[in-house]
Amino acid sequence: DITNWSVCDSFCASLTSVRVDPDRVREFLMPYLESDHEYEARFGAVMLMDHFVSEPNLPWILETLSRCPARDYYARMGIAWAISVCFAYFPEKVMDFLQDGRLDADTLYKTQRKILESNRVGAEWKRQIRAAKPKVSKG
């Protein structure tokens, strides 16, 4: 059992064998990404962030993270962190996602905060994040 964010994040980063069969790992992760348990959901989100961020995977990552039912703090922070990393690589596409209303207000706020804290995001994008008035889901 993973019972804290530090163990979760360290464990995920160490799983470099994901590259051997990413499709199988992706299938393995789905129950975690659909879990309402805090650290199961964080595990799924951090695994996506650590091992799957790429342009072809981006639509699947964003859709999957937006539907994650877990509402506890560390699950939502893991989701926000993963989306912020996606933003660092694909800002235009993720900005569209942030503005389309698929995230609940709490996760959207956490995501914006993570983007603003990132050293990988330029000043102009940070200005746009601050100025954005995105819609939020009722979830």
C-alpha atoms as a PDB file:
ATOM      1  CA  ASP A   1       0.000   0.000   0.000  1.00  0.00           C
ATOM      2  CA  ILE A   2       1.145   3.501  -0.846  1.00  0.00           C
ATOM      3  CA  THR A   3       0.188   5.783   2.025  1.00  0.00           C
ATOM      4  CA  ASN A   4       1.978   9.053   1.264  1.00  0.00           C
ATOM      5  CA  TRP A   5       2.914  11.245  -1.667  1.00  0.00           C
ATOM      6  CA  SER A   6       6.675  10.848  -1.259  1.00  0.00           C
ATOM      7  CA  VAL A   7       6.638   7.061  -1.521  1.00  0.00           C
ATOM      8  CA  CYS A   8       4.190   7.293  -4.418  1.00  0.00           C
ATOM      9  CA  ASP A   9       6.262   9.767  -6.418  1.00  0.00           C
ATOM     10  CA  SER A  10       9.598   8.024  -5.792  1.00  0.00           C
ATOM     11  CA  PHE A  11       8.154   4.634  -6.682  1.00  0.00           C
ATOM     12  CA  CYS A  12       6.644   5.936  -9.937  1.00  0.00           C
ATOM     13  CA  ALA A  13       9.899   7.566 -11.027  1.00  0.00           C
ATOM     14  CA  SER A  14      11.797   4.316 -10.433  1.00  0.00           C
ATOM     15  CA  LEU A  15       9.608   2.234 -12.760  1.00  0.00           C
ATOM     16  CA  THR A  16      11.731   2.654 -15.874  1.00  0.00           C
ATOM     17  CA  SER A  17      10.669  -0.747 -17.232  1.00  0.00           C
ATOM     18  CA  VAL A  18       7.450   0.939 -18.424  1.00  0.00           C
ATOM     19  CA  ARG A  19       9.231   1.493 -21.752  1.00  0.00           C
ATOM     20  CA  VAL A  20       9.318  -2.265 -22.398  1.00  0.00           C
ATOM     21  CA  ASP A  21       5.544  -2.570 -22.882  1.00  0.00           C
ATOM     22  CA  PRO A  22       3.814   0.813 -22.487  1.00  0.00           C
ATOM     23  CA  ASP A  23       0.472  -0.475 -23.831  1.00  0.00           C
ATOM     24  CA  ARG A  24       0.333  -3.146 -21.152  1.00  0.00           C
ATOM     25  CA  VAL A  25       1.271  -0.628 -18.443  1.00  0.00           C
ATOM     26  CA  ARG A  26      -1.362   1.773 -19.746  1.00  0.00           C
ATOM     27  CA  GLU A  27      -3.995  -0.949 -19.394  1.00  0.00           C
ATOM     28  CA  PHE A  28      -2.663  -1.798 -15.910  1.00  0.00           C
ATOM     29  CA  LEU A  29      -2.986   1.855 -14.819  1.00  0.00           C
ATOM     30  CA  MET A  30      -6.639   2.317 -15.766  1.00  0.00           C
ATOM     31  CA  PRO A  31      -8.145   0.933 -12.512  1.00  0.00           C
ATOM     32  CA  TYR A  32      -5.905   3.316 -10.559  1.00  0.00           C
ATOM     33  CA  LEU A  33      -6.903   6.268 -12.732  1.00  0.00           C
ATOM     34  CA  GLU A  34     -10.565   5.357 -12.206  1.00  0.00           C
ATOM     35  CA  SER A  35     -10.168   4.898  -8.445  1.00  0.00           C
ATOM     36  CA  ASP A  36     -11.633   7.230  -5.854  1.00  0.00           C
ATOM     37  CA  HIS A  37      -8.850   6.287  -3.393  1.00  0.00           C
ATOM     38  CA  GLU A  38      -6.392   9.122  -2.851  1.00  0.00           C
ATOM     39  CA  TYR A  39      -3.053   7.389  -3.380  1.00  0.00           C
ATOM     40  CA  GLU A  40      -4.270   4.948  -6.028  1.00  0.00           C
ATOM     41  CA  ALA A  41      -5.386   7.923  -8.135  1.00  0.00           C
ATOM     42  CA  ARG A  42      -2.158   9.814  -7.428  1.00  0.00           C
ATOM     43  CA  PHE A  43      -0.165   6.735  -8.466  1.00  0.00           C
ATOM     44  CA  GLY A  44      -1.988   6.664 -11.804  1.00  0.00           C
ATOM     45  CA  ALA A  45      -1.564  10.404 -12.400  1.00  0.00           C
ATOM     46  CA  VAL A  46       2.131  10.449 -11.517  1.00  0.00           C
ATOM     47  CA  MET A  47       2.759   7.383 -13.692  1.00  0.00           C
ATOM     48  CA  LEU A  48       1.182   9.203 -16.640  1.00  0.00           C
ATOM     49  CA  MET A  49       3.308  12.254 -15.921  1.00  0.00           C
ATOM     50  CA  ASP A  50       6.552  10.300 -15.517  1.00  0.00           C
ATOM     51  CA  HIS A  51       6.178   7.850 -18.389  1.00  0.00           C
ATOM     52  CA  PHE A  52       3.515   8.825 -20.919  1.00  0.00           C
ATOM     53  CA  VAL A  53       3.687  12.568 -21.677  1.00  0.00           C
ATOM     54  CA  SER A  54       3.945  12.838 -25.437  1.00  0.00           C
ATOM     55  CA  GLU A  55       1.934  14.529 -28.144  1.00  0.00           C
ATOM     56  CA  PRO A  56       0.210  11.306 -29.285  1.00  0.00           C
ATOM     57  CA  ASN A  57      -0.764  10.461 -25.678  1.00  0.00           C
ATOM     58  CA  LEU A  58      -1.857  13.985 -24.737  1.00  0.00           C
ATOM     59  CA  PRO A  59      -5.599  13.711 -25.565  1.00  0.00           C
ATOM     60  CA  TRP A  60      -5.853  10.413 -23.677  1.00  0.00           C
ATOM     61  CA  ILE A  61      -3.919  11.768 -20.675  1.00  0.00           C
ATOM     62  CA  LEU A  62      -6.039  14.906 -20.362  1.00  0.00           C
ATOM     63  CA  GLU A  63      -9.340  13.075 -20.809  1.00  0.00           C
ATOM     64  CA  THR A  64      -8.358  10.360 -18.339  1.00  0.00           C
ATOM     65  CA  LEU A  65      -7.176  12.838 -15.697  1.00  0.00           C
ATOM     66  CA  SER A  66     -10.285  14.993 -16.090  1.00  0.00           C
ATOM     67  CA  ARG A  67     -12.499  11.987 -15.305  1.00  0.00           C
ATOM     68  CA  CYS A  68     -10.598  10.720 -12.257  1.00  0.00           C
ATOM     69  CA  PRO A  69     -13.153  10.461  -9.428  1.00  0.00           C
ATOM     70  CA  ALA A  70     -10.752  10.801  -6.472  1.00  0.00           C
ATOM     71  CA  ARG A  71     -11.314  14.094  -4.643  1.00  0.00           C
ATOM     72  CA  ASP A  72      -8.748  13.938  -1.835  1.00  0.00           C
ATOM     73  CA  TYR A  73      -5.970  16.516  -1.721  1.00  0.00           C
ATOM     74  CA  TYR A  74      -3.009  14.383  -2.814  1.00  0.00           C
ATOM     75  CA  ALA A  75      -4.940  12.824  -5.685  1.00  0.00           C
ATOM     76  CA  ARG A  76      -5.982  16.258  -6.975  1.00  0.00           C
ATOM     77  CA  MET A  77      -2.433  17.604  -6.561  1.00  0.00           C
ATOM     78  CA  GLY A  78      -1.049  14.650  -8.523  1.00  0.00           C
ATOM     79  CA  ILE A  79      -3.536  15.304 -11.308  1.00  0.00           C
ATOM     80  CA  ALA A  80      -2.731  19.024 -11.293  1.00  0.00           C
ATOM     81  CA  TRP A  81       0.987  18.304 -11.359  1.00  0.00           C
ATOM     82  CA  ALA A  82       0.607  15.915 -14.304  1.00  0.00           C
ATOM     83  CA  ILE A  83      -1.468  18.437 -16.274  1.00  0.00           C
ATOM     84  CA  SER A  84       1.053  21.195 -15.508  1.00  0.00           C
ATOM     85  CA  VAL A  85       3.860  19.044 -16.920  1.00  0.00           C
ATOM     86  CA  CYS A  86       1.768  18.462 -20.035  1.00  0.00           C
ATOM     87  CA  PHE A  87       1.329  22.245 -20.224  1.00  0.00           C
ATOM     88  CA  ALA A  88       5.089  22.776 -20.103  1.00  0.00           C
ATOM     89  CA  TYR A  89       5.475  20.627 -23.233  1.00  0.00           C
ATOM     90  CA  PHE A  90       2.254  21.450 -25.101  1.00  0.00           C
ATOM     91  CA  PRO A  91       0.995  24.814 -23.817  1.00  0.00           C
ATOM     92  CA  GLU A  92      -1.438  25.636 -26.644  1.00  0.00           C
ATOM     93  CA  LYS A  93      -3.218  22.298 -26.482  1.00  0.00           C
ATOM     94  CA  VAL A  94      -3.363  22.192 -22.702  1.00  0.00           C
ATOM     95  CA  MET A  95      -4.541  25.824 -22.523  1.00  0.00           C
ATOM     96  CA  ASP A  96      -7.489  24.839 -24.734  1.00  0.00           C
ATOM     97  CA  PHE A  97      -8.172  21.925 -22.375  1.00  0.00           C
ATOM     98  CA  LEU A  98      -7.994  24.187 -19.302  1.00  0.00           C
ATOM     99  CA  GLN A  99     -10.528  26.539 -20.848  1.00  0.00           C
ATOM    100  CA  ASP A 100     -13.030  23.921 -21.998  1.00  0.00           C
ATOM    101  CA  GLY A 101     -14.617  23.293 -18.601  1.00  0.00           C
ATOM    102  CA  ARG A 102     -13.707  19.635 -18.029  1.00  0.00           C
ATOM    103  CA  LEU A 103     -11.907  20.228 -14.717  1.00  0.00           C
ATOM    104  CA  ASP A 104     -13.600  20.956 -11.421  1.00  0.00           C
ATOM    105  CA  ALA A 105     -12.738  24.295  -9.812  1.00  0.00           C
ATOM    106  CA  ASP A 106     -10.386  22.855  -7.188  1.00  0.00           C
ATOM    107  CA  THR A 107      -8.318  20.845  -9.673  1.00  0.00           C
ATOM    108  CA  LEU A 108      -8.243  23.747 -12.113  1.00  0.00           C
ATOM    109  CA  TYR A 109      -6.967  26.089  -9.387  1.00  0.00           C
ATOM    110  CA  LYS A 110      -4.287  23.578  -8.346  1.00  0.00           C
ATOM    111  CA  THR A 111      -3.256  23.106 -11.981  1.00  0.00           C
ATOM    112  CA  GLN A 112      -2.965  26.835 -12.577  1.00  0.00           C
ATOM    113  CA  ARG A 113      -0.907  27.159  -9.398  1.00  0.00           C
ATOM    114  CA  LYS A 114       1.460  24.358 -10.505  1.00  0.00           C
ATOM    115  CA  ILE A 115       1.871  25.986 -13.934  1.00  0.00           C
ATOM    116  CA  LEU A 116       2.664  29.348 -12.340  1.00  0.00           C
ATOM    117  CA  GLU A 117       5.244  27.688 -10.048  1.00  0.00           C
ATOM    118  CA  SER A 118       6.939  25.849 -12.927  1.00  0.00           C
ATOM    119  CA  ASN A 119      10.363  26.936 -14.135  1.00  0.00           C
ATOM    120  CA  ARG A 120       9.593  25.246 -17.479  1.00  0.00           C
ATOM    121  CA  VAL A 121       6.780  27.660 -18.368  1.00  0.00           C
ATOM    122  CA  GLY A 122       7.662  31.037 -19.855  1.00  0.00           C
ATOM    123  CA  ALA A 123       6.505  34.428 -18.635  1.00  0.00           C
ATOM    124  CA  GLU A 124       4.037  34.979 -21.482  1.00  0.00           C
ATOM    125  CA  TRP A 125       2.247  31.700 -20.816  1.00  0.00           C
ATOM    126  CA  LYS A 126       2.141  32.493 -17.104  1.00  0.00           C
ATOM    127  CA  ARG A 127       0.567  35.857 -17.948  1.00  0.00           C
ATOM    128  CA  GLN A 128      -2.069  34.075 -20.017  1.00  0.00           C
ATOM    129  CA  ILE A 129      -2.776  31.619 -17.181  1.00  0.00           C
ATOM    130  CA  ARG A 130      -3.266  34.529 -14.772  1.00  0.00           C
ATOM    131  CA  ALA A 131      -5.562  36.330 -17.224  1.00  0.00           C
ATOM    132  CA  ALA A 132      -7.629  33.289 -18.207  1.00  0.00           C
ATOM    133  CA  LYS A 133     -11.203  32.997 -16.980  1.00  0.00           C
ATOM    134  CA  PRO A 134     -11.764  29.326 -17.764  1.00  0.00           C
ATOM    135  CA  LYS A 135     -15.025  27.460 -17.264  1.00  0.00           C
ATOM    136  CA  VAL A 136     -15.142  24.709 -14.661  1.00  0.00           C
ATOM    137  CA  SER A 137     -17.122  21.527 -14.464  1.00  0.00           C
ATOM    138  CA  LYS A 138     -19.722  20.958 -11.780  1.00  0.00           C
ATOM    139  CA  GLY A 139     -17.798  17.818 -10.686  1.00  0.00           C
END
